Structure formats: structure tokens, C-alpha cells
Protein backbone atom coordinates (compact mmCIF):
# COMPACT_ATOMS: atom_id res chain seq x y z
CA MET A 1 -18.17 -27.11 -25.54
CA MET A 2 -15.39 -24.87 -23.23
CA MET A 3 -14.44 -21.31 -24.63
CA GLN A 4 -11.09 -20.47 -25.59
CA ARG A 5 -9.24 -18.32 -23.27
CA PRO A 6 -8.98 -14.71 -24.42
CA PRO A 7 -5.46 -13.21 -25.12
CA GLU A 8 -6.12 -10.35 -22.80
CA PRO A 9 -7.93 -11.86 -19.81
CA ILE A 10 -6.15 -9.81 -17.19
CA LEU A 11 -7.98 -6.25 -15.67
CA HIS A 12 -6.41 -4.06 -13.49
CA VAL A 13 -8.90 -1.99 -11.58
CA ASP A 14 -7.27 1.08 -10.11
CA MET A 15 -9.47 3.60 -8.16
CA ASP A 16 -9.11 7.35 -8.81
CA ALA A 17 -7.90 9.79 -6.13
CA PHE A 18 -9.47 7.14 -3.87
CA TYR A 19 -9.23 8.97 -0.41
CA ALA A 20 -10.02 12.24 -1.81
CA ALA A 21 -12.92 10.92 -4.04
CA VAL A 22 -14.79 9.24 -1.35
CA GLU A 23 -14.01 12.38 0.92
CA SER A 24 -16.29 14.28 -1.86
CA ARG A 25 -18.73 11.60 -2.58
CA ASP A 26 -19.41 11.64 1.50
CA ASP A 27 -19.60 15.56 1.26
CA PRO A 28 -21.34 17.16 -1.91
CA ALA A 29 -19.81 20.59 -0.85
CA LEU A 30 -16.73 19.19 -1.82
CA ALA A 31 -18.13 18.57 -5.71
CA GLY A 32 -15.23 20.31 -7.88
CA VAL A 33 -12.93 21.43 -5.27
CA PRO A 34 -9.41 21.27 -4.35
CA VAL A 35 -9.17 18.22 -2.02
CA LEU A 36 -6.54 17.04 0.30
CA VAL A 37 -6.58 13.58 2.58
CA GLY A 38 -3.56 13.90 4.62
CA GLY A 39 -2.10 15.28 7.83
CA ALA A 40 -1.87 19.13 8.36
CA GLY A 41 1.13 18.83 10.99
CA GLY A 42 4.38 20.16 9.97
CA ARG A 43 5.66 16.98 9.09
CA GLY A 44 2.09 15.66 7.29
CA VAL A 45 2.16 14.41 3.99
CA VAL A 46 -0.49 14.15 0.91
CA ALA A 47 -2.20 10.25 1.37
CA SER A 48 -4.17 11.29 -1.61
CA ALA A 49 -5.20 14.28 -4.05
CA SER A 50 -8.25 15.13 -5.81
CA TYR A 51 -7.81 15.98 -9.49
CA GLU A 52 -8.95 19.55 -9.30
CA ALA A 53 -5.51 19.43 -6.63
CA ARG A 54 -3.08 17.75 -9.12
CA ASP A 55 -3.91 20.58 -11.49
CA TYR A 56 -1.61 22.54 -8.98
CA GLY A 57 1.01 20.10 -9.29
CA ILE A 58 0.09 18.38 -5.99
CA ARG A 59 0.39 14.54 -5.71
CA SER A 60 0.68 11.91 -3.39
CA ALA A 61 3.02 11.87 -0.75
CA MET A 62 3.83 15.34 -1.36
CA PRO A 63 4.58 17.34 1.94
CA MET A 64 1.34 18.69 3.31
CA ALA A 65 3.02 22.15 3.60
CA ARG A 66 4.25 22.31 -0.15
CA ALA A 67 0.77 21.17 -1.07
CA ARG A 68 -0.75 24.19 0.77
CA ARG A 69 1.33 26.44 -0.74
CA LEU A 70 0.91 25.17 -4.28
CA CYS A 71 -2.72 25.34 -3.46
CA PRO A 72 -3.56 27.78 -0.84
CA HIS A 73 -7.18 26.96 -1.07
CA ALA A 74 -7.32 23.51 -0.86
CA VAL A 75 -9.55 21.84 1.23
CA VAL A 76 -7.78 19.11 3.93
CA ARG A 77 -9.39 15.93 5.57
CA PRO A 78 -7.94 13.83 7.98
CA PRO A 79 -7.63 10.13 6.77
CA ARG A 80 -10.89 7.84 7.55
CA PHE A 81 -9.50 4.65 7.22
CA ASP A 82 -12.65 2.78 8.37
CA ALA A 83 -14.78 4.49 5.54
CA TYR A 84 -11.89 3.67 3.15
CA ARG A 85 -11.58 0.11 4.11
CA GLN A 86 -15.55 -0.09 4.22
CA VAL A 87 -15.94 0.79 0.86
CA SER A 88 -12.72 -1.42 -0.46
CA ALA A 89 -14.92 -4.34 0.68
CA GLN A 90 -17.76 -3.13 -1.04
CA LEU A 91 -15.57 -3.19 -4.27
CA LEU A 92 -13.75 -6.19 -3.38
CA ASP A 93 -17.29 -8.01 -3.37
CA LEU A 94 -18.28 -6.48 -6.42
CA PHE A 95 -14.93 -7.48 -8.25
CA ARG A 96 -15.61 -11.39 -6.97
CA SER A 97 -19.45 -10.77 -8.51
CA VAL A 98 -17.43 -11.10 -11.98
CA THR A 99 -14.76 -13.39 -11.36
CA PRO A 100 -13.54 -15.34 -8.03
CA LEU A 101 -9.78 -14.67 -9.47
CA VAL A 102 -9.41 -11.64 -7.91
CA GLU A 103 -6.10 -10.32 -6.37
CA PRO A 104 -6.48 -7.06 -4.15
CA LEU A 105 -3.39 -4.87 -4.36
CA SER A 106 -4.13 -2.53 -1.90
CA LEU A 107 -7.54 -0.74 -0.71
CA ASP A 108 -8.29 1.42 -4.01
CA GLU A 109 -6.95 -1.73 -6.71
CA ALA A 110 -6.66 -5.14 -7.97
CA PHE A 111 -6.06 -7.85 -10.60
CA LEU A 112 -8.81 -9.67 -12.11
CA ASP A 113 -8.44 -12.72 -14.24
CA VAL A 114 -11.48 -12.83 -16.34
CA GLY A 115 -10.53 -15.23 -18.36
CA GLY A 116 -13.19 -17.68 -17.42
CA ALA A 117 -16.21 -15.39 -17.29
CA VAL A 118 -16.49 -14.24 -20.83
CA ARG A 119 -19.00 -16.72 -21.92
CA LEU A 120 -21.30 -14.74 -19.47
CA LEU A 121 -19.98 -11.51 -19.69
CA GLY A 122 -18.44 -10.96 -22.81
CA GLU A 123 -15.13 -10.00 -23.97
CA PRO A 124 -12.57 -8.76 -21.43
CA ALA A 125 -12.80 -4.87 -22.64
CA GLN A 126 -16.85 -5.29 -22.25
CA ILE A 127 -16.25 -6.66 -18.48
CA GLY A 128 -14.07 -3.48 -17.73
CA SER A 129 -16.69 -1.47 -19.26
CA HIS A 130 -19.50 -3.31 -17.26
CA VAL A 131 -17.00 -3.10 -13.63
CA ARG A 132 -16.29 0.57 -14.19
CA ALA A 133 -20.28 1.40 -14.90
CA ARG A 134 -21.07 -0.33 -11.61
CA ILE A 135 -18.46 0.91 -9.60
CA HIS A 136 -20.23 4.72 -10.40
CA ALA A 137 -23.54 3.45 -10.00
CA GLU A 138 -23.26 1.43 -6.71
CA LEU A 139 -20.48 3.08 -4.87
CA GLY A 140 -20.89 6.71 -6.99
CA LEU A 141 -17.25 6.82 -7.61
CA ARG A 142 -14.37 6.26 -10.70
CA ALA A 143 -12.34 3.99 -11.55
CA SER A 144 -9.42 3.30 -14.49
CA VAL A 145 -9.07 -0.09 -15.97
CA GLY A 146 -6.18 -1.86 -17.94
CA VAL A 147 -6.97 -4.34 -20.27
CA ALA A 148 -4.54 -6.99 -21.05
CA PRO A 149 -2.05 -9.92 -21.65
CA ASN A 150 -0.82 -9.99 -18.24
CA LYS A 151 -0.45 -8.55 -15.40
CA PHE A 152 2.36 -5.84 -15.62
CA LEU A 153 0.71 -4.76 -18.79
CA ALA A 154 -2.59 -4.18 -17.56
CA LYS A 155 -1.43 -2.10 -14.29
CA LEU A 156 0.83 0.03 -17.39
CA CYS A 157 -2.46 0.40 -18.91
CA SER A 158 -4.73 1.71 -15.95
CA GLY A 159 -2.09 3.92 -15.23
CA LYS A 160 -2.13 5.48 -18.86
CA ALA A 161 -5.76 5.43 -18.91
CA LYS A 162 -6.58 8.07 -15.92
CA PRO A 163 -8.41 9.50 -14.85
CA ASP A 164 -11.48 7.70 -15.45
CA GLY A 165 -10.47 5.62 -18.52
CA GLN A 166 -10.05 2.39 -19.71
CA LEU A 167 -7.22 1.49 -22.35
CA HIS A 168 -7.24 -2.01 -23.84
CA LEU A 169 -3.86 -3.62 -25.18
CA ARG A 170 -4.12 -6.71 -27.58
CA ALA A 171 -2.03 -8.95 -27.45
CA ALA A 172 -0.93 -8.30 -31.38
CA GLU A 173 -0.14 -4.50 -30.45
CA VAL A 174 1.87 -5.11 -27.40
CA ASP A 175 5.42 -5.32 -29.18
CA ALA A 176 4.81 -1.54 -30.81
CA TYR A 177 3.24 -0.26 -27.59
CA LEU A 178 6.33 -0.88 -25.15
CA LEU A 179 8.94 0.35 -27.74
CA ARG A 180 7.06 3.80 -27.82
CA LEU A 181 7.41 4.40 -24.01
CA SER A 182 10.16 5.76 -21.57
CA VAL A 183 12.06 2.82 -19.48
CA ARG A 184 10.89 4.36 -16.36
CA ASP A 185 7.40 2.66 -17.52
CA LEU A 186 8.99 -0.74 -16.27
CA TRP A 187 8.11 -2.35 -12.89
CA GLY A 188 10.53 -1.65 -10.95
CA VAL A 189 12.52 1.06 -12.76
CA GLY A 190 13.27 3.69 -10.02
CA GLU A 191 15.12 6.31 -10.23
CA GLN A 192 18.79 5.20 -9.23
CA THR A 193 18.20 2.32 -11.90
CA ALA A 194 17.06 5.01 -14.92
CA ALA A 195 19.91 7.05 -13.81
CA ALA A 196 21.88 4.26 -14.49
CA LEU A 197 20.69 2.96 -17.49
CA ASP A 198 20.89 6.82 -18.91
CA ARG A 199 24.46 6.79 -18.14
CA PHE A 200 24.67 4.47 -21.08
CA GLY A 201 22.13 6.25 -23.18
CA LEU A 202 19.23 3.83 -22.05
CA ARG A 203 16.36 6.34 -21.68
CA THR A 204 13.74 4.10 -23.72
CA VAL A 205 11.83 0.26 -23.73
CA ALA A 206 13.58 0.39 -27.51
CA ASP A 207 16.96 1.26 -25.94
CA VAL A 208 17.12 -1.46 -23.64
CA ARG A 209 15.40 -3.63 -26.14
CA ALA A 210 18.67 -3.58 -28.37
CA VAL A 211 20.98 -4.85 -25.73
CA THR A 212 21.59 -8.08 -24.56
CA GLU A 213 21.03 -9.45 -20.78
CA THR A 214 24.58 -10.23 -20.45
CA SER A 215 25.10 -5.87 -21.15
CA LEU A 216 22.43 -4.87 -18.75
CA ALA A 217 23.91 -7.24 -15.69
CA ARG A 218 26.86 -5.20 -16.03
CA ILE A 219 24.78 -1.79 -15.90
CA VAL A 220 22.23 -2.99 -12.93
CA GLY A 221 23.22 -6.41 -11.78
CA ASP A 222 21.74 -9.53 -12.73
CA ALA A 223 18.34 -9.46 -10.72
CA ALA A 224 17.16 -6.23 -12.41
CA ALA A 225 18.41 -7.28 -15.69
CA GLY A 226 16.50 -10.48 -15.81
CA GLN A 227 13.76 -8.65 -15.25
CA ILE A 228 13.95 -5.16 -17.07
CA HIS A 229 14.89 -7.55 -20.53
CA ARG A 230 11.34 -9.55 -20.10
CA LEU A 231 9.46 -6.47 -18.71
CA SER A 232 10.47 -4.47 -22.44
CA ARG A 233 9.28 -7.11 -23.99
CA GLY A 234 6.07 -7.54 -22.51
CA GLN A 235 6.64 -10.90 -20.51
CA ASP A 236 5.04 -11.07 -17.10
CA ALA A 237 4.17 -15.20 -15.69
CA ARG A 238 2.70 -14.01 -12.70
CA PRO A 239 -0.80 -15.40 -12.29
CA VAL A 240 -3.56 -13.43 -10.54
CA SER A 241 -3.64 -14.95 -6.89
CA PRO A 242 -6.94 -14.46 -4.89
CA TYR A 243 -5.30 -15.68 -1.70
CA GLU A 244 -2.15 -14.28 -1.34
CA PRO A 245 -1.22 -13.78 2.43
CA ALA A 246 -0.01 -10.52 4.09
CA LYS A 247 3.74 -10.44 3.86
CA GLY A 248 3.33 -8.14 7.25
CA MET A 249 1.52 -5.56 9.01
CA SER A 250 3.16 -2.37 10.37
CA ALA A 251 2.39 1.04 12.03
CA GLU A 252 4.98 4.13 11.59
CA GLU A 253 4.83 7.74 13.19
CA THR A 254 6.53 10.74 12.31
CA PHE A 255 7.15 12.93 14.87
CA ASP A 256 6.14 17.40 14.97
CA ARG A 257 9.71 17.46 16.07
CA ASP A 258 12.45 15.44 16.74
CA ILE A 259 12.30 13.20 19.83
CA ALA A 260 15.43 12.19 22.32
CA ASP A 261 13.25 11.13 25.46
CA PRO A 262 13.45 7.41 25.18
CA ASP A 263 10.07 6.92 27.91
CA LEU A 264 8.69 8.98 25.36
CA LEU A 265 9.73 7.06 22.58
CA ARG A 266 8.78 3.66 24.62
CA THR A 267 5.46 4.84 25.18
CA GLU A 268 5.36 5.26 21.31
CA VAL A 269 6.45 2.26 20.14
CA LEU A 270 3.44 0.42 22.78
CA ARG A 271 1.12 2.60 20.75
CA LEU A 272 1.95 1.35 17.66
CA ALA A 273 2.55 -1.85 19.15
CA GLU A 274 -1.19 -2.00 20.07
CA LYS A 275 -2.13 -0.75 16.36
CA VAL A 276 0.21 -3.65 15.04
CA ALA A 277 -1.38 -6.89 17.61
CA ARG A 278 -4.75 -5.38 16.41
CA ARG A 279 -4.39 -5.84 12.73
CA LEU A 280 -2.62 -9.53 13.15
CA ARG A 281 -5.74 -10.66 15.41
CA ARG A 282 -8.19 -9.01 12.91
CA GLY A 283 -6.51 -10.68 10.41
CA ASP A 284 -6.42 -14.15 12.26
CA VAL A 285 -2.78 -14.59 12.37
CA ALA A 286 0.03 -14.04 14.06
CA ALA A 287 3.81 -13.00 13.75
CA ARG A 288 7.02 -14.85 14.18
CA THR A 289 9.12 -12.10 13.58
CA VAL A 290 8.70 -8.24 15.19
CA SER A 291 10.88 -5.25 13.85
CA LEU A 292 11.82 -1.82 15.25
CA ARG A 293 12.28 1.33 12.55
CA LEU A 294 13.77 4.30 13.45
CA ARG A 295 14.77 7.35 11.45
CA TYR A 296 17.21 10.05 13.06
CA ALA A 297 16.81 13.88 12.76
CA ASP A 298 19.54 13.44 9.63
CA PHE A 299 17.21 11.29 7.81
CA THR A 300 19.42 8.13 8.86
CA THR A 301 17.00 5.48 8.97
CA ILE A 302 18.16 1.77 10.49
CA SER A 303 15.68 -0.86 11.45
CA ARG A 304 16.41 -4.18 13.97
CA SER A 305 14.85 -7.17 14.25
CA ARG A 306 14.04 -10.14 16.39
CA THR A 307 12.37 -13.78 15.54
CA LEU A 308 10.20 -15.23 18.66
CA ALA A 309 10.25 -18.31 19.62
CA VAL A 310 6.48 -18.54 19.83
CA PRO A 311 4.35 -16.78 17.33
CA THR A 312 2.29 -13.58 18.70
CA ASP A 313 -0.89 -11.55 18.02
CA GLN A 314 -0.78 -9.67 21.44
CA ALA A 315 0.32 -6.05 21.94
CA THR A 316 1.94 -6.76 25.36
CA ALA A 317 4.14 -9.33 23.99
CA VAL A 318 5.19 -6.98 20.71
CA HIS A 319 6.01 -4.40 23.05
CA ARG A 320 8.68 -5.85 25.37
CA GLU A 321 10.34 -7.68 22.15
CA VAL A 322 10.69 -4.20 20.12
CA THR A 323 11.04 -2.21 23.32
CA ALA A 324 14.16 -4.35 23.53
CA LEU A 325 15.28 -3.51 20.37
CA LEU A 326 15.01 -0.03 20.89
CA ASP A 327 17.18 -0.20 24.46
CA ALA A 328 19.79 -2.07 22.84
CA LEU A 329 20.33 1.12 20.13
CA ARG A 330 21.21 2.93 23.32
CA LEU A 331 20.41 6.10 21.53
CA LYS A 332 22.05 8.49 24.46
CA GLY A 333 19.69 11.94 23.41
CA ALA A 334 19.84 11.31 19.67
CA GLY A 335 16.58 12.41 18.08
CA VAL A 336 14.48 10.76 16.51
CA ARG A 337 11.89 11.93 13.44
CA LEU A 338 9.90 8.70 12.61
CA ILE A 339 9.62 5.29 14.55
CA GLY A 340 8.00 2.14 13.35
CA VAL A 341 6.66 -1.48 14.48
CA ARG A 342 6.67 -4.34 12.37
CA ALA A 343 5.48 -7.79 12.35
CA SER A 344 6.22 -9.90 9.99
CA ASN A 345 6.47 -13.90 9.14
CA LEU A 346 3.05 -14.39 9.37
CA VAL A 347 0.79 -17.60 10.56
CA PRO A 348 -2.49 -18.43 11.14
CA SER A 349 -2.85 -17.69 14.82
CA GLY A 350 -4.27 -20.89 15.75
CA ALA A 351 -0.74 -21.89 15.26
CA ALA A 352 0.52 -19.68 18.34
CA ARG A 353 -1.83 -21.07 20.56
CA GLN A 354 -0.92 -24.80 19.88
CA LEU A 355 2.95 -23.49 19.94
CA ASP A 356 1.91 -22.09 23.64
CA LEU A 357 -0.19 -24.92 25.42
CA LEU A 358 2.14 -24.00 28.87
CA GLY A 359 1.46 -20.21 28.42
CA ASP A 360 -0.45 -17.56 30.35
CA ASP A 361 -2.99 -16.61 28.25
CA ARG A 362 -4.46 -13.72 30.90
CA TRP A 363 -2.62 -10.85 28.16
CA SER A 364 -4.73 -12.68 25.23
CA ARG A 365 -8.12 -12.74 26.73
CA LEU A 366 -7.74 -9.56 27.67
CA GLU A 367 -6.73 -8.02 24.60
CA ARG A 368 -9.27 -9.73 22.53
CA ALA A 369 -11.82 -8.24 25.44
CA ALA A 370 -10.81 -4.77 24.21
CA ASP A 371 -11.43 -5.53 20.46
CA VAL A 372 -14.78 -6.66 21.22
CA ALA A 373 -15.30 -3.09 23.27
CA ARG A 374 -13.52 -1.26 20.82
CA THR A 375 -15.75 -2.77 18.24
CA ARG A 376 -18.65 -2.00 19.99
CA PHE A 377 -18.16 1.36 21.58
CA GLY A 378 -15.34 2.83 19.41
CA GLU A 379 -11.65 3.59 19.45
CA ALA A 380 -11.73 5.28 22.36
CA ALA A 381 -13.48 2.84 24.23
CA LEU A 382 -10.23 1.29 26.28
CA THR A 383 -6.79 2.10 26.56
CA ARG A 384 -3.73 1.51 28.17
CA GLY A 385 -2.94 3.98 31.23
CA ALA A 386 0.76 3.87 29.82
CA LEU A 387 -1.09 6.01 26.77
CA LEU A 388 -3.51 8.49 28.73
CA ASP A 389 -0.61 10.90 29.37
CA ASP A 390 0.96 10.52 26.34
CA ASP A 391 2.32 14.03 25.06
CA ALA A 392 4.92 12.91 22.15
CA PRO A 393 4.36 15.64 19.31
CA ARG A 394 3.47 13.31 17.11
CA SER A 395 2.00 14.51 13.80
CA GLY A 396 -1.31 12.38 14.06
CA ASP A 397 -3.44 11.78 10.25
CA ALA A 398 -0.18 12.94 8.62
CA ALA A 399 1.72 9.61 9.97
CA ALA A 400 -1.39 7.58 9.56
CA ALA A 401 -1.68 8.47 5.71
CA ALA A 402 1.42 8.04 5.50
CA GLU A 403 1.84 4.31 6.31
CA ASP A 404 -0.98 3.73 4.43
CA TRP A 405 0.26 5.05 1.12
CA ARG A 406 3.41 3.00 2.11
CA SER A 407 1.80 -0.22 3.08
CA ARG A 408 0.91 -0.32 -0.66
CA ARG A 409 4.65 -1.11 -1.29
CA GLU A 410 5.21 -3.62 1.00
CA GLY A 411 6.09 -7.06 -0.39
CA ASP A 412 7.32 -7.42 -3.88
CA GLU A 413 7.26 -3.93 -5.73
CA ARG A 414 4.33 -3.87 -8.12
CA PRO A 415 4.44 -2.38 -11.71
CA GLY A 416 3.52 1.47 -11.41
CA SER A 417 2.52 0.81 -7.90
CA GLY A 418 0.75 3.82 -5.88
CA ALA A 419 -0.53 6.04 -8.61
CA ASP A 420 -4.36 6.66 -7.59
């Protein structure tokens, strides 16, 4: 006999201070010590902070200089993304041993639909406890879990359960629970939306529930009003989507000092194009659209995009197109604080090769051979000659940390996105 689907089938599993926790696990000397992961340069940011560091008011995405002022004795470690990806792959294997319905959001969090696993593993709350225990026993890390009727509520609950806890929100308790919360707890309500609502005295979920969707639309617009109206009632119809394709891949660099030299900027575009193309090939996808992102010294940020006739996963092609976008801006000495390259509108890489049957594939073969060499001998085994003498004042690991933090927010914004 088929078991009835449980009323709270969705888990949101979120690792606690993931990068910092991996560093502390791998170096026992860091146990109980304030640990910051990120870049130590002048514009470095905190990618992850241990809970010991958070006691000093430090949070992810905070400038590292400010974090070190708040906690001068904190240990700062550069990000080790290869190590974090390896642990993330182990996590996904663990999750998929529980249910095939796993939707990763980033390296350290995922939704699980366990509605079909209750017959073997027990009720969803028991499965959540089981997953947390396995993460601790097998990986030496801690996680927080939300158990709820849908994705929005499960994500909300995991955030409320931190650190190292679990919150089970029963379907019958959703209304009473939501009415106690701030409007800022609703997915998509950021500072500007909250400020707009506050001007009309709408500060809590109960306040929002008391007005019509039409009234909300006059304050925040139709799209946001519809979303706020639904979420304030705990409604979220999105399924857990295990095979959702990536929306794009990007890399950015924040400089220690502003750059006005076009040649240095072109070199940095090449470096970033290499990173993005390597990620495309690793994901076996190609991009139809490439984009350039610049932030000037005054923090003005602009983006320019170009759609390609043939999708590509080659750094040479990405670099050529993005450099053309850069040259078209005619910077004329304007100082640049940040530069980024993004590939989007992705298709399977086989489709790109089929579309370009008459093209010259020498660069493609060369770049794939370089991938093999780097995998075998390390990232420094091969590089382009143009990058050997690059002296751009990059913030290095800080920018890598910042980009990974930003990548969690690519695509559609998730409820409570980014808390670790």
C-alpha cells in the first residue's frame, strides 16, 4: 500500500560557517579559535566566519579590514575552493543516498524532498536528524536543517535553527509562526523593499497580511506584491528540482588599487576568461552570451553583453568578445575598481561543436589538453605567456572569496540566501 505523502516533506540543509568549519576541521589547532576565510588585501572580504568570530560582530561579505579591527586575534585563511568543492561533492552523495530529489543551491546548502523516503527512513524530522548525524560522523562538520511544507518555509526554518540545530515547522502551525515574524524574513524583501513597506507602517508579516495585494502593488510593484502576498501566507509552489541547469558562470576580480591602464585590464580579462571557460568545460556546457562587468572608482557599476553566433567554451573566444566590449567603452583613463567576466545562456557543449563543423578546432583541442595537464600537475602547470608578467594589483583570494559568495545569489534569489 502506498504511504500518504507527509505534510512537511521538504528539508533545507545548510552547513554552518562552511568554509571556516572546513578549515577548522582540517587544522585541529583552529578548534575554538575565531577563523576568517577570505582575502587579506586592502579590499578583501570575509567569505566565511566561524561562530567564534561572529561573536565579535563579524559577518560574511564584511570587508576584511573591518573584520580584523573587530577581532585582531582572528586567524585569517585564504579560500581553498578545491577543498570546499570536494566536501560539497561528498555532501551531495550523502543527500542522494537519502533521496534522489536533491536541489543544490550552492556548495554548502541544498533542498531535499524526502516525501518518498519516509517508508524506509521515518518521518521527515527523523530524516533531518539522521542527515545531520551523518554529516557530523562522516564529514566532521555541522549543519542546520529546516523541515517544512515547502522550500521557502524550510529555508526560513534552517536559518532560524542556526547554528547546529533543526526546526520542524508543522503545516498546522505555519500561520501562527509567520505572523510573529518581521517582513524582512520574507524571501526577496531586502532593505529597499522593507523601507518602502515601513513608510506605510508595514513592518511585520501580520501587517502585510492585513492589506490587499492591490495595496501592496501600489507600494512595491505588481511582481513583488504578488510574491510578498503569497509568502506572507506561507505559499510556495516551487518543486525541488534536482536537474536544474546552471544559469551562468562568472569570475570577478577586485583590485587593491584602481586600474586605469587598458592593457592591464585586457590582461585581467584574459585571466578571467580562462577561469570562466575552464568552468564551462568542466560543466560540459557552452555559452551563447558573454558579459563584461566593471565597477569604477566611484562605485558606479556597468554591464555589457554580447550574444554569439556560435556558443563557445573556449577562453580565446570569450576573451576576444569581452575585450571588444571593454574597448568599446573607451575608458580614457577612468579608474576601475572591479572587473568581471560572465558566460550565460548555456547549452550542452556538444551542440556548440555541431554548430561549428567548419570551424578551426585547434584552440579547442589546445585548451582541453591544457585542462588535462592542470588536472594532473596542478593549476600552475600551464598558463598563457601574456599572463606571466601580469602585475595588476589584484586582491587575489579576496576576490575569489567574494565571487564565490556572489555566486550563491546568481539566478533567482532564494529565501534567506547566503546565511551560513
